[in-house]
Amino acid sequence: QGGRDAVDAWKLQRKGEGEWTFVEGATGAAKGVSVENLLFTLRGLKWKSIVAPGSDEAPRYGLDAPTFTAAMLRADGGEIATILVGRRESDVVYAKLGALPAIYAVDAKALGDLPKLPDGLKG
């Protein structure tokens, strides 16, 4: 999911080795390399600090209306993990895992520039 409007959602499905297609929110093929790079970046994120122990402070960190949300699902639709990305401030970006209450500061350079969805991933 991406963009400022929380109702916008895009779902991608892996069809084979490196082959991704949009199944919701857009149609057609997605750039396999771009999707894989995004997943690699998200998987490798490490937090610098815990800035808030609970999600009640989400608005302070831009997580009440995340700029980017990515959910990874199993084939049966069950959630593996969800990450919400909030406000960027200096050298950090605030992020939260969907299943956990804590809010983290992550290195903005490690996160890089997130794609504008769906266009940033269209094949």
PDB file of N, CA and C in Angstrom:
ATOM      1  N   GLN A   1       0.849  -1.161   0.000  1.00  0.00           N
ATOM      2  CA  GLN A   1       0.000   0.000   0.000  1.00  0.00           C
ATOM      3  C   GLN A   1       0.889   1.216   0.000  1.00  0.00           C
ATOM      4  N   GLY A   2       0.484   2.257  -0.659  1.00  0.00           N
ATOM      5  CA  GLY A   2       1.310   3.443  -0.675  1.00  0.00           C
ATOM      6  C   GLY A   2       0.489   4.682  -0.868  1.00  0.00           C
ATOM      7  N   GLY A   3       1.136   5.796  -0.821  1.00  0.00           N
ATOM      8  CA  GLY A   3       0.458   7.050  -1.021  1.00  0.00           C
ATOM      9  C   GLY A   3      -0.090   7.603   0.281  1.00  0.00           C
ATOM     10  N   ARG A   4      -0.601   8.807   0.226  1.00  0.00           N
ATOM     11  CA  ARG A   4      -1.107   9.472   1.416  1.00  0.00           C
ATOM     12  C   ARG A   4      -2.536   9.053   1.736  1.00  0.00           C
ATOM     13  N   ASP A   5      -3.252   8.543   0.783  1.00  0.00           N
ATOM     14  CA  ASP A   5      -4.625   8.143   0.994  1.00  0.00           C
ATOM     15  C   ASP A   5      -4.641   6.699   1.471  1.00  0.00           C
ATOM     16  N   ALA A   6      -5.013   6.505   2.737  1.00  0.00           N
ATOM     17  CA  ALA A   6      -4.935   5.181   3.346  1.00  0.00           C
ATOM     18  C   ALA A   6      -5.850   4.164   2.685  1.00  0.00           C
ATOM     19  N   VAL A   7      -6.826   4.600   1.881  1.00  0.00           N
ATOM     20  CA  VAL A   7      -7.708   3.633   1.246  1.00  0.00           C
ATOM     21  C   VAL A   7      -7.109   3.060  -0.034  1.00  0.00           C
ATOM     22  N   ASP A   8      -6.078   3.688  -0.564  1.00  0.00           N
ATOM     23  CA  ASP A   8      -5.427   3.152  -1.754  1.00  0.00           C
ATOM     24  C   ASP A   8      -4.612   1.929  -1.364  1.00  0.00           C
ATOM     25  N   ALA A   9      -4.837   0.838  -2.059  1.00  0.00           N
ATOM     26  CA  ALA A   9      -4.082  -0.374  -1.772  1.00  0.00           C
ATOM     27  C   ALA A   9      -3.758  -1.076  -3.089  1.00  0.00           C
ATOM     28  N   TRP A  10      -2.557  -1.628  -3.123  1.00  0.00           N
ATOM     29  CA  TRP A  10      -2.125  -2.398  -4.277  1.00  0.00           C
ATOM     30  C   TRP A  10      -1.624  -3.725  -3.766  1.00  0.00           C
ATOM     31  N   LYS A  11      -2.034  -4.763  -4.435  1.00  0.00           N
ATOM     32  CA  LYS A  11      -1.548  -6.088  -4.075  1.00  0.00           C
ATOM     33  C   LYS A  11      -0.822  -6.671  -5.259  1.00  0.00           C
ATOM     34  N   LEU A  12       0.286  -7.320  -4.935  1.00  0.00           N
ATOM     35  CA  LEU A  12       1.094  -7.989  -5.940  1.00  0.00           C
ATOM     36  C   LEU A  12       1.179  -9.456  -5.580  1.00  0.00           C
ATOM     37  N   GLN A  13       1.306 -10.274  -6.583  1.00  0.00           N
ATOM     38  CA  GLN A  13       1.447 -11.706  -6.378  1.00  0.00           C
ATOM     39  C   GLN A  13       2.628 -12.205  -7.179  1.00  0.00           C
ATOM     40  N   ARG A  14       3.421 -13.070  -6.546  1.00  0.00           N
ATOM     41  CA  ARG A  14       4.551 -13.658  -7.269  1.00  0.00           C
ATOM     42  C   ARG A  14       4.042 -14.836  -8.074  1.00  0.00           C
ATOM     43  N   LYS A  15       4.346 -14.812  -9.345  1.00  0.00           N
ATOM     44  CA  LYS A  15       3.895 -15.863 -10.268  1.00  0.00           C
ATOM     45  C   LYS A  15       4.963 -16.899 -10.528  1.00  0.00           C
ATOM     46  N   GLY A  16       6.175 -16.570 -10.315  1.00  0.00           N
ATOM     47  CA  GLY A  16       7.297 -17.460 -10.557  1.00  0.00           C
ATOM     48  C   GLY A  16       8.544 -16.780 -10.062  1.00  0.00           C
ATOM     49  N   GLU A  17       9.674 -17.307 -10.417  1.00  0.00           N
ATOM     50  CA  GLU A  17      10.941 -16.709  -9.993  1.00  0.00           C
ATOM     51  C   GLU A  17      11.077 -15.315 -10.600  1.00  0.00           C
ATOM     52  N   GLY A  18      10.940 -14.287  -9.771  1.00  0.00           N
ATOM     53  CA  GLY A  18      11.104 -12.919 -10.232  1.00  0.00           C
ATOM     54  C   GLY A  18       9.953 -12.338 -11.021  1.00  0.00           C
ATOM     55  N   GLU A  19       8.860 -13.077 -11.159  1.00  0.00           N
ATOM     56  CA  GLU A  19       7.701 -12.583 -11.898  1.00  0.00           C
ATOM     57  C   GLU A  19       6.629 -12.145 -10.920  1.00  0.00           C
ATOM     58  N   TRP A  20       6.248 -10.868 -11.003  1.00  0.00           N
ATOM     59  CA  TRP A  20       5.235 -10.296 -10.128  1.00  0.00           C
ATOM     60  C   TRP A  20       4.141  -9.664 -10.968  1.00  0.00           C
ATOM     61  N   THR A  21       2.889  -9.806 -10.515  1.00  0.00           N
ATOM     62  CA  THR A  21       1.769  -9.157 -11.178  1.00  0.00           C
ATOM     63  C   THR A  21       0.893  -8.481 -10.149  1.00  0.00           C
ATOM     64  N   PHE A  22       0.266  -7.392 -10.577  1.00  0.00           N
ATOM     65  CA  PHE A  22      -0.707  -6.715  -9.734  1.00  0.00           C
ATOM     66  C   PHE A  22      -1.986  -7.533  -9.724  1.00  0.00           C
ATOM     67  N   VAL A  23      -2.548  -7.738  -8.552  1.00  0.00           N
ATOM     68  CA  VAL A  23      -3.821  -8.443  -8.444  1.00  0.00           C
ATOM     69  C   VAL A  23      -4.901  -7.551  -7.838  1.00  0.00           C
ATOM     70  N   GLU A  24      -4.500  -6.370  -7.385  1.00  0.00           N
ATOM     71  CA  GLU A  24      -5.465  -5.418  -6.849  1.00  0.00           C
ATOM     72  C   GLU A  24      -4.887  -4.017  -6.939  1.00  0.00           C
ATOM     73  N   GLY A  25      -5.727  -3.051  -7.297  1.00  0.00           N
ATOM     74  CA  GLY A  25      -5.306  -1.653  -7.323  1.00  0.00           C
ATOM     75  C   GLY A  25      -4.650  -1.219  -8.613  1.00  0.00           C
ATOM     76  N   ALA A  26      -4.192  -2.151  -9.400  1.00  0.00           N
ATOM     77  CA  ALA A  26      -3.587  -1.900 -10.709  1.00  0.00           C
ATOM     78  C   ALA A  26      -3.627  -3.216 -11.461  1.00  0.00           C
ATOM     79  N   THR A  27      -3.310  -3.160 -12.734  1.00  0.00           N
ATOM     80  CA  THR A  27      -3.313  -4.386 -13.533  1.00  0.00           C
ATOM     81  C   THR A  27      -1.977  -4.531 -14.242  1.00  0.00           C
ATOM     82  N   GLY A  28      -1.710  -5.751 -14.655  1.00  0.00           N
ATOM     83  CA  GLY A  28      -0.526  -6.010 -15.451  1.00  0.00           C
ATOM     84  C   GLY A  28       0.666  -6.456 -14.628  1.00  0.00           C
ATOM     85  N   ALA A  29       1.774  -6.534 -15.320  1.00  0.00           N
ATOM     86  CA  ALA A  29       3.016  -7.007 -14.712  1.00  0.00           C
ATOM     87  C   ALA A  29       3.663  -5.896 -13.891  1.00  0.00           C
ATOM     88  N   ALA A  30       4.392  -6.314 -12.881  1.00  0.00           N
ATOM     89  CA  ALA A  30       5.196  -5.399 -12.078  1.00  0.00           C
ATOM     90  C   ALA A  30       6.660  -5.677 -12.397  1.00  0.00           C
ATOM     91  N   LYS A  31       7.504  -4.681 -12.175  1.00  0.00           N
ATOM     92  CA  LYS A  31       8.941  -4.850 -12.393  1.00  0.00           C
ATOM     93  C   LYS A  31       9.483  -5.759 -11.302  1.00  0.00           C
ATOM     94  N   GLY A  32       9.832  -6.974 -11.683  1.00  0.00           N
ATOM     95  CA  GLY A  32      10.309  -7.957 -10.722  1.00  0.00           C
ATOM     96  C   GLY A  32      11.490  -7.468  -9.915  1.00  0.00           C
ATOM     97  N   VAL A  33      12.445  -6.817 -10.567  1.00  0.00           N
ATOM     98  CA  VAL A  33      13.636  -6.329  -9.879  1.00  0.00           C
ATOM     99  C   VAL A  33      13.254  -5.264  -8.854  1.00  0.00           C
ATOM    100  N   SER A  34      12.336  -4.367  -9.207  1.00  0.00           N
ATOM    101  CA  SER A  34      11.920  -3.310  -8.285  1.00  0.00           C
ATOM    102  C   SER A  34      11.208  -3.882  -7.073  1.00  0.00           C
ATOM    103  N   VAL A  35      10.345  -4.867  -7.292  1.00  0.00           N
ATOM    104  CA  VAL A  35       9.628  -5.502  -6.182  1.00  0.00           C
ATOM    105  C   VAL A  35      10.623  -6.222  -5.280  1.00  0.00           C
ATOM    106  N   GLU A  36      11.529  -6.982  -5.873  1.00  0.00           N
ATOM    107  CA  GLU A  36      12.518  -7.720  -5.086  1.00  0.00           C
ATOM    108  C   GLU A  36      13.424  -6.766  -4.296  1.00  0.00           C
ATOM    109  N   ASN A  37      13.825  -5.651  -4.915  1.00  0.00           N
ATOM    110  CA  ASN A  37      14.646  -4.669  -4.215  1.00  0.00           C
ATOM    111  C   ASN A  37      13.901  -4.067  -3.030  1.00  0.00           C
ATOM    112  N   LEU A  38      12.625  -3.763  -3.220  1.00  0.00           N
ATOM    113  CA  LEU A  38      11.811  -3.224  -2.131  1.00  0.00           C
ATOM    114  C   LEU A  38      11.713  -4.235  -0.988  1.00  0.00           C
ATOM    115  N   LEU A  39      11.441  -5.484  -1.306  1.00  0.00           N
ATOM    116  CA  LEU A  39      11.344  -6.518  -0.275  1.00  0.00           C
ATOM    117  C   LEU A  39      12.677  -6.708   0.447  1.00  0.00           C
ATOM    118  N   PHE A  40      13.768  -6.683  -0.285  1.00  0.00           N
ATOM    119  CA  PHE A  40      15.096  -6.812   0.311  1.00  0.00           C
ATOM    120  C   PHE A  40      15.370  -5.654   1.271  1.00  0.00           C
ATOM    121  N   THR A  41      15.021  -4.438   0.857  1.00  0.00           N
ATOM    122  CA  THR A  41      15.206  -3.254   1.705  1.00  0.00           C
ATOM    123  C   THR A  41      14.383  -3.367   2.977  1.00  0.00           C
ATOM    124  N   LEU A  42      13.117  -3.715   2.844  1.00  0.00           N
ATOM    125  CA  LEU A  42      12.241  -3.816   4.019  1.00  0.00           C
ATOM    126  C   LEU A  42      12.702  -4.924   4.960  1.00  0.00           C
ATOM    127  N   ARG A  43      13.107  -6.039   4.400  1.00  0.00           N
ATOM    128  CA  ARG A  43      13.554  -7.171   5.212  1.00  0.00           C
ATOM    129  C   ARG A  43      14.830  -6.840   5.985  1.00  0.00           C
ATOM    130  N   GLY A  44      15.682  -5.997   5.416  1.00  0.00           N
ATOM    131  CA  GLY A  44      16.958  -5.682   6.032  1.00  0.00           C
ATOM    132  C   GLY A  44      16.954  -4.486   6.977  1.00  0.00           C
ATOM    133  N   LEU A  45      15.795  -3.844   7.163  1.00  0.00           N
ATOM    134  CA  LEU A  45      15.760  -2.670   8.031  1.00  0.00           C
ATOM    135  C   LEU A  45      16.120  -3.023   9.465  1.00  0.00           C
ATOM    136  N   LYS A  46      16.895  -2.157  10.076  1.00  0.00           N
ATOM    137  CA  LYS A  46      17.256  -2.307  11.483  1.00  0.00           C
ATOM    138  C   LYS A  46      16.930  -0.995  12.179  1.00  0.00           C
ATOM    139  N   TRP A  47      16.372  -1.084  13.344  1.00  0.00           N
ATOM    140  CA  TRP A  47      16.014   0.134  14.054  1.00  0.00           C
ATOM    141  C   TRP A  47      17.212   0.714  14.788  1.00  0.00           C
ATOM    142  N   LYS A  48      17.230   2.062  14.845  1.00  0.00           N
ATOM    143  CA  LYS A  48      18.275   2.785  15.570  1.00  0.00           C
ATOM    144  C   LYS A  48      17.871   2.936  17.031  1.00  0.00           C
ATOM    145  N   SER A  49      16.583   3.200  17.246  1.00  0.00           N
ATOM    146  CA  SER A  49      16.082   3.367  18.607  1.00  0.00           C
ATOM    147  C   SER A  49      14.574   3.150  18.630  1.00  0.00           C
ATOM    148  N   ILE A  50      14.077   2.852  19.802  1.00  0.00           N
ATOM    149  CA  ILE A  50      12.632   2.801  20.019  1.00  0.00           C
ATOM    150  C   ILE A  50      12.257   4.199  20.502  1.00  0.00           C
ATOM    151  N   VAL A  51      11.413   4.897  19.736  1.00  0.00           N
ATOM    152  CA  VAL A  51      11.064   6.270  20.094  1.00  0.00           C
ATOM    153  C   VAL A  51       9.799   6.347  20.934  1.00  0.00           C
ATOM    154  N   ALA A  52       8.976   5.306  20.877  1.00  0.00           N
ATOM    155  CA  ALA A  52       7.756   5.255  21.683  1.00  0.00           C
ATOM    156  C   ALA A  52       7.413   3.793  21.933  1.00  0.00           C
ATOM    157  N   PRO A  53       7.104   3.430  23.169  1.00  0.00           N
ATOM    158  CA  PRO A  53       6.798   2.041  23.463  1.00  0.00           C
ATOM    159  C   PRO A  53       5.413   1.597  22.984  1.00  0.00           C
ATOM    160  N   GLY A  54       4.527   2.561  22.737  1.00  0.00           N
ATOM    161  CA  GLY A  54       3.170   2.210  22.329  1.00  0.00           C
ATOM    162  C   GLY A  54       2.688   3.021  21.153  1.00  0.00           C
ATOM    163  N   SER A  55       1.674   2.509  20.458  1.00  0.00           N
ATOM    164  CA  SER A  55       1.188   3.177  19.260  1.00  0.00           C
ATOM    165  C   SER A  55       0.284   4.361  19.539  1.00  0.00           C
ATOM    166  N   ASP A  56       0.032   4.676  20.808  1.00  0.00           N
ATOM    167  CA  ASP A  56      -0.799   5.839  21.102  1.00  0.00           C
ATOM    168  C   ASP A  56      -0.117   7.139  20.660  1.00  0.00           C
ATOM    169  N   GLU A  57       1.163   7.101  20.393  1.00  0.00           N
ATOM    170  CA  GLU A  57       1.897   8.276  19.919  1.00  0.00           C
ATOM    171  C   GLU A  57       2.067   8.280  18.396  1.00  0.00           C
ATOM    172  N   ALA A  58       1.316   7.434  17.706  1.00  0.00           N
ATOM    173  CA  ALA A  58       1.429   7.323  16.243  1.00  0.00           C
ATOM    174  C   ALA A  58       1.299   8.664  15.518  1.00  0.00           C
ATOM    175  N   PRO A  59       0.350   9.535  15.883  1.00  0.00           N
ATOM    176  CA  PRO A  59       0.240  10.810  15.156  1.00  0.00           C
ATOM    177  C   PRO A  59       1.515  11.666  15.234  1.00  0.00           C
ATOM    178  N   ARG A  60       2.195  11.638  16.348  1.00  0.00           N
ATOM    179  CA  ARG A  60       3.421  12.421  16.523  1.00  0.00           C
ATOM    180  C   ARG A  60       4.492  12.024  15.509  1.00  0.00           C
ATOM    181  N   TYR A  61       4.477  10.768  15.072  1.00  0.00           N
ATOM    182  CA  TYR A  61       5.500  10.245  14.168  1.00  0.00           C
ATOM    183  C   TYR A  61       4.981  10.001  12.749  1.00  0.00           C
ATOM    184  N   GLY A  62       3.772  10.508  12.458  1.00  0.00           N
ATOM    185  CA  GLY A  62       3.222  10.372  11.115  1.00  0.00           C
ATOM    186  C   GLY A  62       2.702   8.986  10.800  1.00  0.00           C
ATOM    187  N   LEU A  63       2.448   8.189  11.832  1.00  0.00           N
ATOM    188  CA  LEU A  63       1.999   6.814  11.598  1.00  0.00           C
ATOM    189  C   LEU A  63       0.484   6.658  11.707  1.00  0.00           C
ATOM    190  N   ASP A  64      -0.225   7.751  11.994  1.00  0.00           N
ATOM    191  CA  ASP A  64      -1.682   7.710  11.957  1.00  0.00           C
ATOM    192  C   ASP A  64      -2.174   7.734  10.513  1.00  0.00           C
ATOM    193  N   ALA A  65      -1.357   8.293   9.625  1.00  0.00           N
ATOM    194  CA  ALA A  65      -1.616   8.303   8.182  1.00  0.00           C
ATOM    195  C   ALA A  65      -0.279   8.016   7.500  1.00  0.00           C
ATOM    196  N   PRO A  66       0.154   6.743   7.501  1.00  0.00           N
ATOM    197  CA  PRO A  66       1.479   6.397   6.984  1.00  0.00           C
ATOM    198  C   PRO A  66       1.661   6.818   5.533  1.00  0.00           C
ATOM    199  N   THR A  67       2.899   7.163   5.201  1.00  0.00           N
ATOM    200  CA  THR A  67       3.216   7.502   3.814  1.00  0.00           C
ATOM    201  C   THR A  67       3.395   6.240   2.972  1.00  0.00           C
ATOM    202  N   PHE A  68       3.621   5.123   3.646  1.00  0.00           N
ATOM    203  CA  PHE A  68       3.831   3.859   2.939  1.00  0.00           C
ATOM    204  C   PHE A  68       3.505   2.718   3.894  1.00  0.00           C
ATOM    205  N   THR A  69       2.791   1.724   3.405  1.00  0.00           N
ATOM    206  CA  THR A  69       2.499   0.520   4.178  1.00  0.00           C
ATOM    207  C   THR A  69       2.735  -0.681   3.286  1.00  0.00           C
ATOM    208  N   ALA A  70       3.434  -1.669   3.800  1.00  0.00           N
ATOM    209  CA  ALA A  70       3.656  -2.902   3.046  1.00  0.00           C
ATOM    210  C   ALA A  70       3.241  -4.072   3.921  1.00  0.00           C
ATOM    211  N   ALA A  71       2.384  -4.923   3.380  1.00  0.00           N
ATOM    212  CA  ALA A  71       1.955  -6.136   4.073  1.00  0.00           C
ATOM    213  C   ALA A  71       2.409  -7.332   3.266  1.00  0.00           C
ATOM    214  N   MET A  72       3.016  -8.293   3.930  1.00  0.00           N
ATOM    215  CA  MET A  72       3.424  -9.531   3.275  1.00  0.00           C
ATOM    216  C   MET A  72       2.476 -10.631   3.740  1.00  0.00           C
ATOM    217  N   LEU A  73       1.891 -11.330   2.772  1.00  0.00           N
ATOM    218  CA  LEU A  73       0.878 -12.334   3.064  1.00  0.00           C
ATOM    219  C   LEU A  73       1.310 -13.700   2.558  1.00  0.00           C
ATOM    220  N   ARG A  74       0.823 -14.725   3.231  1.00  0.00           N
ATOM    221  CA  ARG A  74       1.009 -16.101   2.751  1.00  0.00           C
ATOM    222  C   ARG A  74       0.045 -16.349   1.592  1.00  0.00           C
ATOM    223  N   ALA A  75       0.220 -17.444   0.912  1.00  0.00           N
ATOM    224  CA  ALA A  75      -0.662 -17.798  -0.206  1.00  0.00           C
ATOM    225  C   ALA A  75      -2.114 -17.911   0.238  1.00  0.00           C
ATOM    226  N   ASP A  76      -2.344 -18.313   1.497  1.00  0.00           N
ATOM    227  CA  ASP A  76      -3.717 -18.442   1.990  1.00  0.00           C
ATOM    228  C   ASP A  76      -4.294 -17.113   2.485  1.00  0.00           C
ATOM    229  N   GLY A  77      -3.536 -16.025   2.357  1.00  0.00           N
ATOM    230  CA  GLY A  77      -4.008 -14.709   2.765  1.00  0.00           C
ATOM    231  C   GLY A  77      -3.627 -14.315   4.180  1.00  0.00           C
ATOM    232  N   GLY A  78      -3.048 -15.234   4.941  1.00  0.00           N
ATOM    233  CA  GLY A  78      -2.628 -14.925   6.304  1.00  0.00           C
ATOM    234  C   GLY A  78      -1.452 -13.966   6.308  1.00  0.00           C
ATOM    235  N   GLU A  79      -1.452 -13.068   7.260  1.00  0.00           N
ATOM    236  CA  GLU A  79      -0.400 -12.053   7.335  1.00  0.00           C
ATOM    237  C   GLU A  79       0.895 -12.622   7.886  1.00  0.00           C
ATOM    238  N   ILE A  80       1.997 -12.326   7.208  1.00  0.00           N
ATOM    239  CA  ILE A  80       3.331 -12.652   7.705  1.00  0.00           C
ATOM    240  C   ILE A  80       3.841 -11.460   8.509  1.00  0.00           C
ATOM    241  N   ALA A  81       3.788 -10.275   7.905  1.00  0.00           N
ATOM    242  CA  ALA A  81       4.233  -9.056   8.581  1.00  0.00           C
ATOM    243  C   ALA A  81       3.709  -7.848   7.831  1.00  0.00           C
ATOM    244  N   THR A  82       3.530  -6.752   8.572  1.00  0.00           N
ATOM    245  CA  THR A  82       3.154  -5.474   7.982  1.00  0.00           C
ATOM    246  C   THR A  82       4.064  -4.416   8.569  1.00  0.00           C
ATOM    247  N   ILE A  83       4.555  -3.530   7.714  1.00  0.00           N
ATOM    248  CA  ILE A  83       5.362  -2.406   8.184  1.00  0.00           C
ATOM    249  C   ILE A  83       4.688  -1.117   7.730  1.00  0.00           C
ATOM    250  N   LEU A  84       4.603  -0.165   8.633  1.00  0.00           N
ATOM    251  CA  LEU A  84       4.058   1.154   8.344  1.00  0.00           C
ATOM    252  C   LEU A  84       5.206   2.150   8.432  1.00  0.00           C
ATOM    253  N   VAL A  85       5.289   3.039   7.460  1.00  0.00           N
ATOM    254  CA  VAL A  85       6.340   4.042   7.426  1.00  0.00           C
ATOM    255  C   VAL A  85       5.695   5.412   7.583  1.00  0.00           C
ATOM    256  N   GLY A  86       6.191   6.168   8.532  1.00  0.00           N
ATOM    257  CA  GLY A  86       5.638   7.483   8.819  1.00  0.00           C
ATOM    258  C   GLY A  86       6.536   8.613   8.349  1.00  0.00           C
ATOM    259  N   ARG A  87       6.639   9.611   9.183  1.00  0.00           N
ATOM    260  CA  ARG A  87       7.353  10.840   8.845  1.00  0.00           C
ATOM    261  C   ARG A  87       8.861  10.630   8.772  1.00  0.00           C
ATOM    262  N   ARG A  88       9.477  11.328   7.812  1.00  0.00           N
ATOM    263  CA  ARG A  88      10.933  11.356   7.671  1.00  0.00           C
ATOM    264  C   ARG A  88      11.406  12.632   8.354  1.00  0.00           C
ATOM    265  N   GLU A  89      12.420  12.498   9.179  1.00  0.00           N
ATOM    266  CA  GLU A  89      12.930  13.643   9.923  1.00  0.00           C
ATOM    267  C   GLU A  89      14.446  13.548   9.986  1.00  0.00           C
ATOM    268  N   SER A  90      15.108  14.466   9.331  1.00  0.00           N
ATOM    269  CA  SER A  90      16.565  14.489   9.302  1.00  0.00           C
ATOM    270  C   SER A  90      17.102  13.160   8.776  1.00  0.00           C
ATOM    271  N   ASP A  91      17.811  12.399   9.599  1.00  0.00           N
ATOM    272  CA  ASP A  91      18.414  11.154   9.132  1.00  0.00           C
ATOM    273  C   ASP A  91      17.640   9.903   9.545  1.00  0.00           C
ATOM    274  N   VAL A  92      16.407  10.083  10.049  1.00  0.00           N
ATOM    275  CA  VAL A  92      15.603   8.920  10.435  1.00  0.00           C
ATOM    276  C   VAL A  92      14.213   8.966   9.804  1.00  0.00           C
ATOM    277  N   VAL A  93      13.627   7.790   9.726  1.00  0.00           N
ATOM    278  CA  VAL A  93      12.233   7.620   9.325  1.00  0.00           C
ATOM    279  C   VAL A  93      11.588   6.830  10.445  1.00  0.00           C
ATOM    280  N   TYR A  94      10.369   7.206  10.790  1.00  0.00           N
ATOM    281  CA  TYR A  94       9.660   6.495  11.854  1.00  0.00           C
ATOM    282  C   TYR A  94       8.854   5.358  11.248  1.00  0.00           C
ATOM    283  N   ALA A  95       8.936   4.203  11.878  1.00  0.00           N
ATOM    284  CA  ALA A  95       8.279   3.007  11.353  1.00  0.00           C
ATOM    285  C   ALA A  95       7.695   2.192  12.493  1.00  0.00           C
ATOM    286  N   LYS A  96       6.738   1.351  12.125  1.00  0.00           N
ATOM    287  CA  LYS A  96       6.079   0.492  13.099  1.00  0.00           C
ATOM    288  C   LYS A  96       5.705  -0.809  12.423  1.00  0.00           C
ATOM    289  N   LEU A  97       5.876  -1.899  13.129  1.00  0.00           N
ATOM    290  CA  LEU A  97       5.376  -3.180  12.646  1.00  0.00           C
ATOM    291  C   LEU A  97       3.909  -3.268  13.041  1.00  0.00           C
ATOM    292  N   GLY A  98       3.082  -3.761  12.148  1.00  0.00           N
ATOM    293  CA  GLY A  98       1.652  -3.807  12.403  1.00  0.00           C
ATOM    294  C   GLY A  98       1.263  -4.574  13.649  1.00  0.00           C
ATOM    295  N   ALA A  99       1.956  -5.648  13.945  1.00  0.00           N
ATOM    296  CA  ALA A  99       1.585  -6.516  15.060  1.00  0.00           C
ATOM    297  C   ALA A  99       2.164  -6.071  16.402  1.00  0.00           C
ATOM    298  N   LEU A 100       3.062  -5.100  16.403  1.00  0.00           N
ATOM    299  CA  LEU A 100       3.711  -4.672  17.636  1.00  0.00           C
ATOM    300  C   LEU A 100       3.389  -3.211  17.928  1.00  0.00           C
ATOM    301  N   PRO A 101       3.296  -2.836  19.200  1.00  0.00           N
ATOM    302  CA  PRO A 101       2.930  -1.457  19.531  1.00  0.00           C
ATOM    303  C   PRO A 101       4.075  -0.447  19.409  1.00  0.00           C
ATOM    304  N   ALA A 102       5.318  -0.871  19.516  1.00  0.00           N
ATOM    305  CA  ALA A 102       6.448   0.059  19.545  1.00  0.00           C
ATOM    306  C   ALA A 102       6.627   0.802  18.223  1.00  0.00           C
ATOM    307  N   ILE A 103       7.132   2.031  18.331  1.00  0.00           N
ATOM    308  CA  ILE A 103       7.467   2.853  17.174  1.00  0.00           C
ATOM    309  C   ILE A 103       8.979   3.010  17.153  1.00  0.00           C
ATOM    310  N   TYR A 104       9.566   2.791  15.985  1.00  0.00           N
ATOM    311  CA  TYR A 104      11.016   2.762  15.834  1.00  0.00           C
ATOM    312  C   TYR A 104      11.510   3.907  14.960  1.00  0.00           C
ATOM    313  N   ALA A 105      12.730   4.337  15.205  1.00  0.00           N
ATOM    314  CA  ALA A 105      13.445   5.227  14.297  1.00  0.00           C
ATOM    315  C   ALA A 105      14.391   4.335  13.507  1.00  0.00           C
ATOM    316  N   VAL A 106      14.298   4.414  12.180  1.00  0.00           N
ATOM    317  CA  VAL A 106      15.193   3.643  11.318  1.00  0.00           C
ATOM    318  C   VAL A 106      16.012   4.614  10.479  1.00  0.00           C
ATOM    319  N   ASP A 107      17.153   4.176  10.024  1.00  0.00           N
ATOM    320  CA  ASP A 107      18.042   4.994   9.216  1.00  0.00           C
ATOM    321  C   ASP A 107      17.375   5.327   7.881  1.00  0.00           C
ATOM    322  N   ALA A 108      17.198   6.609   7.616  1.00  0.00           N
ATOM    323  CA  ALA A 108      16.543   7.036   6.379  1.00  0.00           C
ATOM    324  C   ALA A 108      17.321   6.588   5.147  1.00  0.00           C
ATOM    325  N   LYS A 109      18.646   6.544   5.236  1.00  0.00           N
ATOM    326  CA  LYS A 109      19.455   6.107   4.099  1.00  0.00           C
ATOM    327  C   LYS A 109      19.234   4.631   3.805  1.00  0.00           C
ATOM    328  N   ALA A 110      19.065   3.823   4.845  1.00  0.00           N
ATOM    329  CA  ALA A 110      18.835   2.392   4.651  1.00  0.00           C
ATOM    330  C   ALA A 110      17.494   2.141   3.975  1.00  0.00           C
ATOM    331  N   LEU A 111      16.507   2.978   4.280  1.00  0.00           N
ATOM    332  CA  LEU A 111      15.191   2.825   3.677  1.00  0.00           C
ATOM    333  C   LEU A 111      15.192   3.351   2.247  1.00  0.00           C
ATOM    334  N   GLY A 112      15.956   4.406   2.009  1.00  0.00           N
ATOM    335  CA  GLY A 112      16.038   4.963   0.661  1.00  0.00           C
ATOM    336  C   GLY A 112      14.735   5.625   0.249  1.00  0.00           C
ATOM    337  N   ASP A 113      14.546   5.774  -1.046  1.00  0.00           N
ATOM    338  CA  ASP A 113      13.326   6.365  -1.588  1.00  0.00           C
ATOM    339  C   ASP A 113      12.350   5.246  -1.909  1.00  0.00           C
ATOM    340  N   LEU A 114      11.223   5.263  -1.234  1.00  0.00           N
ATOM    341  CA  LEU A 114      10.206   4.247  -1.494  1.00  0.00           C
ATOM    342  C   LEU A 114       9.523   4.547  -2.824  1.00  0.00           C
ATOM    343  N   PRO A 115       9.102   3.515  -3.539  1.00  0.00           N
ATOM    344  CA  PRO A 115       8.470   3.745  -4.841  1.00  0.00           C
ATOM    345  C   PRO A 115       7.118   4.412  -4.693  1.00  0.00           C
ATOM    346  N   LYS A 116       6.759   5.228  -5.671  1.00  0.00           N
ATOM    347  CA  LYS A 116       5.413   5.786  -5.734  1.00  0.00           C
ATOM    348  C   LYS A 116       4.550   4.691  -6.348  1.00  0.00           C
ATOM    349  N   LEU A 117       3.606   4.227  -5.578  1.00  0.00           N
ATOM    350  CA  LEU A 117       2.800   3.099  -6.033  1.00  0.00           C
ATOM    351  C   LEU A 117       1.546   3.572  -6.749  1.00  0.00           C
ATOM    352  N   PRO A 118       1.085   2.864  -7.746  1.00  0.00           N
ATOM    353  CA  PRO A 118       1.670   1.660  -8.313  1.00  0.00           C
ATOM    354  C   PRO A 118       2.716   1.938  -9.399  1.00  0.00           C
ATOM    355  N   ASP A 119       2.815   3.188  -9.852  1.00  0.00           N
ATOM    356  CA  ASP A 119       3.662   3.498 -11.009  1.00  0.00           C
ATOM    357  C   ASP A 119       5.108   3.116 -10.829  1.00  0.00           C
ATOM    358  N   GLY A 120       5.648   3.212  -9.616  1.00  0.00           N
ATOM    359  CA  GLY A 120       7.035   2.887  -9.371  1.00  0.00           C
ATOM    360  C   GLY A 120       7.359   1.413  -9.527  1.00  0.00           C
ATOM    361  N   LEU A 121       6.318   0.585  -9.556  1.00  0.00           N
ATOM    362  CA  LEU A 121       6.537  -0.856  -9.702  1.00  0.00           C
ATOM    363  C   LEU A 121       5.962  -1.431 -10.994  1.00  0.00           C
ATOM    364  N   LYS A 122       5.328  -0.590 -11.807  1.00  0.00           N
ATOM    365  CA  LYS A 122       4.718  -1.101 -13.040  1.00  0.00           C
ATOM    366  C   LYS A 122       5.787  -1.610 -14.000  1.00  0.00           C
ATOM    367  N   GLY A 123       5.479  -2.758 -14.635  1.00  0.00           N
ATOM    368  CA  GLY A 123       6.419  -3.376 -15.555  1.00  0.00           C
ATOM    369  C   GLY A 123       6.320  -2.843 -16.950  1.00  0.00           C
TER     370      GLY A 123
END
